[in-house]
Amino acid sequence: MKKELQFKEINKLTEEHYQLLLDADPSRKMLMNYTKRSICIEARQEEVFSGVMLLLPTRPETIEIINIAVVKQFRNHGIGQRLLKCAQNWAKQKGYRVIEIGTGSTSFGQLYLYQKNGFRICGIDKNFFVEHYERPIFENKLRLRDMIRLRLYL
C-alpha cells in the first residue's frame, strides 16, 4: 500500500528545499535565477518532506518542469512519478497544454522515467552544461555536456 502523498504549492523556499534542489541542479547561481520565477510544489509523505518540483511558465500554453528532486531516502518509491502526475494535473487546471522538461544526456534514470510517463524527446541543447555551468559535471562516469529536451502534450 502506498503511503499518502500530499502536494502543496508553496510561496517560500526553505534551506531544506534549496539543498534538495541542488541535488538535481548543482549550480546555486542557476537555481537562484529560476526559483524566483517558478511555481514551487512540495511533496510530503505523512508530514515528512519528501520532494519538490519547480514549474516555470515559458510560453502562453507551455510550462516547464525546471527542477524536480526527491529526498534520497524516498527515491525509487514512485514519488518522482507522482510528482510528474501532479505537474500534469496542475498544468491542466491552469489551462496549459504542453509540459516540457530537460535533463542531462547522461541522466539515464531520469530519461527512462520521463519517457515512461509519456514525455517524448523533442530536441537537444548541445553543450548546455558546458556553457552554463562553471565546473564540469560527471554522471554515470560520463562528462555531462548536452541537455535532452522532452515534451508532453496534455
Protein backbone atom coordinates (compact mmCIF):
# COMPACT_ATOMS: atom_id res chain seq x y z
CA MET A 1 0.00 0.00 0.00
CA LYS A 2 1.38 3.40 -0.99
CA LYS A 3 1.65 5.93 1.78
CA GLU A 4 -0.41 9.06 1.34
CA LEU A 5 1.49 11.73 -0.52
CA GLN A 6 0.32 15.32 -0.29
CA PHE A 7 1.25 18.09 -2.69
CA LYS A 8 1.19 21.74 -1.76
CA GLU A 9 2.06 24.87 -3.69
CA ILE A 10 4.40 26.93 -1.52
CA ASN A 11 5.49 30.55 -1.74
CA LYS A 12 8.72 30.50 0.26
CA LEU A 13 11.54 28.02 -0.15
CA THR A 14 13.46 26.89 2.93
CA GLU A 15 17.10 25.86 3.11
CA GLU A 16 15.85 22.25 3.07
CA HIS A 17 14.19 22.90 -0.30
CA TYR A 18 17.31 24.57 -1.70
CA GLN A 19 19.58 21.74 -0.60
CA LEU A 20 17.36 19.17 -2.31
CA LEU A 21 17.04 21.27 -5.47
CA LEU A 22 20.85 21.49 -5.59
CA ASP A 23 20.93 17.68 -5.82
CA ALA A 24 19.20 17.99 -9.18
CA ASP A 25 20.98 21.18 -10.30
CA PRO A 26 24.43 21.74 -8.73
CA SER A 27 24.62 25.42 -9.71
CA ARG A 28 23.35 27.67 -6.92
CA LYS A 29 23.61 30.61 -9.34
CA MET A 30 21.31 28.93 -11.89
CA LEU A 31 18.97 27.78 -9.11
CA MET A 32 18.66 31.26 -7.62
CA ASN A 33 17.95 32.66 -11.08
CA TYR A 34 14.96 30.46 -11.85
CA THR A 35 13.47 29.88 -8.39
CA LYS A 36 12.19 33.44 -8.15
CA ARG A 37 10.24 32.99 -11.41
CA SER A 38 8.91 29.50 -10.66
CA ILE A 39 5.92 27.89 -9.02
CA CYS A 40 7.07 25.52 -6.28
CA ILE A 41 5.20 22.36 -5.35
CA GLU A 42 6.29 20.41 -2.31
CA ALA A 43 5.59 16.73 -1.66
CA ARG A 44 5.09 15.44 1.88
CA GLN A 45 4.55 11.85 2.87
CA GLU A 46 2.88 11.54 6.27
CA GLU A 47 4.00 15.14 7.07
CA VAL A 48 7.62 14.35 6.15
CA PHE A 49 9.24 16.45 3.40
CA SER A 50 9.76 14.03 0.50
CA GLY A 51 10.27 16.01 -2.70
CA VAL A 52 10.00 19.30 -4.50
CA MET A 53 9.32 20.47 -8.04
CA LEU A 54 9.63 23.85 -9.75
CA LEU A 55 7.38 24.78 -12.68
CA LEU A 56 8.24 27.70 -14.95
CA PRO A 57 5.80 29.18 -17.49
CA THR A 58 7.74 29.55 -20.75
CA ARG A 59 5.07 30.29 -23.37
CA PRO A 60 1.32 31.01 -23.17
CA GLU A 61 0.29 27.33 -23.16
CA THR A 62 3.58 25.74 -22.09
CA ILE A 63 5.06 25.13 -18.68
CA GLU A 64 8.45 23.57 -17.97
CA ILE A 65 9.40 21.37 -15.06
CA ILE A 66 12.62 23.22 -14.40
CA ASN A 67 13.68 21.14 -11.39
CA ILE A 68 12.34 18.01 -9.74
CA ALA A 69 14.01 16.26 -6.82
CA VAL A 70 13.15 13.55 -4.30
CA VAL A 71 14.73 13.18 -0.86
CA LYS A 72 17.33 10.41 -1.03
CA GLN A 73 15.60 8.07 1.46
CA PHE A 74 12.37 8.24 -0.60
CA ARG A 75 13.89 7.66 -4.04
CA ASN A 76 12.74 4.65 -6.08
CA HIS A 77 9.37 4.61 -4.30
CA GLY A 78 7.30 6.25 -7.04
CA ILE A 79 7.43 9.79 -5.67
CA GLY A 80 9.11 11.21 -8.79
CA GLN A 81 6.42 9.64 -10.95
CA ARG A 82 3.71 11.03 -8.68
CA LEU A 83 5.31 14.49 -8.85
CA LEU A 84 5.13 14.26 -12.66
CA LYS A 85 1.42 13.35 -12.44
CA CYS A 86 0.89 16.25 -10.04
CA ALA A 87 2.54 18.60 -12.58
CA GLN A 88 0.23 17.30 -15.30
CA ASN A 89 -2.88 17.81 -13.19
CA TRP A 90 -1.76 21.25 -12.05
CA ALA A 91 -0.95 22.32 -15.62
CA LYS A 92 -4.32 21.11 -16.95
CA GLN A 93 -6.17 23.00 -14.20
CA LYS A 94 -4.27 26.18 -15.09
CA GLY A 95 -5.01 25.83 -18.82
CA TYR A 96 -1.59 24.70 -20.05
CA ARG A 97 -1.49 22.31 -22.99
CA VAL A 98 2.20 21.36 -23.01
CA ILE A 99 4.72 20.36 -20.35
CA GLU A 100 8.41 20.35 -21.14
CA ILE A 101 11.36 19.06 -19.17
CA GLY A 102 15.09 19.00 -19.74
CA THR A 103 17.62 16.55 -18.33
CA GLY A 104 21.21 15.61 -18.85
CA SER A 105 22.15 13.28 -21.67
CA THR A 106 23.87 11.10 -19.04
CA SER A 107 20.81 11.05 -16.74
CA PHE A 108 19.69 7.57 -17.77
CA GLY A 109 17.26 7.00 -14.89
CA GLN A 110 15.53 10.34 -15.43
CA LEU A 111 15.29 9.80 -19.20
CA TYR A 112 13.63 6.44 -18.55
CA LEU A 113 11.20 7.93 -16.00
CA TYR A 114 10.14 10.81 -18.24
CA GLN A 115 9.61 8.62 -21.31
CA LYS A 116 7.76 6.02 -19.23
CA ASN A 117 5.39 8.82 -18.26
CA GLY A 118 4.63 9.92 -21.81
CA PHE A 119 7.29 12.56 -22.45
CA ARG A 120 9.00 12.36 -25.85
CA ILE A 121 12.35 13.74 -26.91
CA CYS A 122 11.90 16.96 -28.87
CA GLY A 123 15.42 18.35 -29.02
CA ILE A 124 18.96 18.57 -27.72
CA ASP A 125 20.63 21.67 -26.30
CA LYS A 126 24.21 20.87 -27.29
CA ASN A 127 26.89 21.88 -24.78
CA PHE A 128 24.27 23.33 -22.40
CA PHE A 129 26.10 22.10 -19.30
CA VAL A 130 29.49 23.19 -20.67
CA GLU A 131 28.31 26.73 -21.46
CA HIS A 132 26.11 27.37 -18.40
CA TYR A 133 27.99 25.67 -15.57
CA GLU A 134 31.32 26.81 -14.15
CA ARG A 135 32.60 23.31 -13.34
CA PRO A 136 32.36 20.06 -15.26
CA ILE A 137 29.60 17.70 -14.13
CA PHE A 138 30.12 13.94 -14.22
CA GLU A 139 27.25 11.50 -14.05
CA ASN A 140 27.33 7.75 -14.58
CA LYS A 141 31.11 8.11 -15.17
CA LEU A 142 30.49 10.38 -18.18
CA ARG A 143 31.06 14.11 -18.61
CA LEU A 144 27.70 15.82 -18.89
CA ARG A 145 27.58 18.17 -21.86
CA ASP A 146 24.16 18.13 -23.54
CA MET A 147 20.61 18.65 -22.30
CA ILE A 148 17.92 16.38 -23.69
CA ARG A 149 14.61 18.26 -24.07
CA LEU A 150 11.36 16.31 -23.70
CA ARG A 151 7.74 17.33 -24.22
CA LEU A 152 4.32 16.03 -23.22
CA TYR A 153 1.06 17.22 -24.80
CA LEU A 154 -1.81 17.27 -22.32
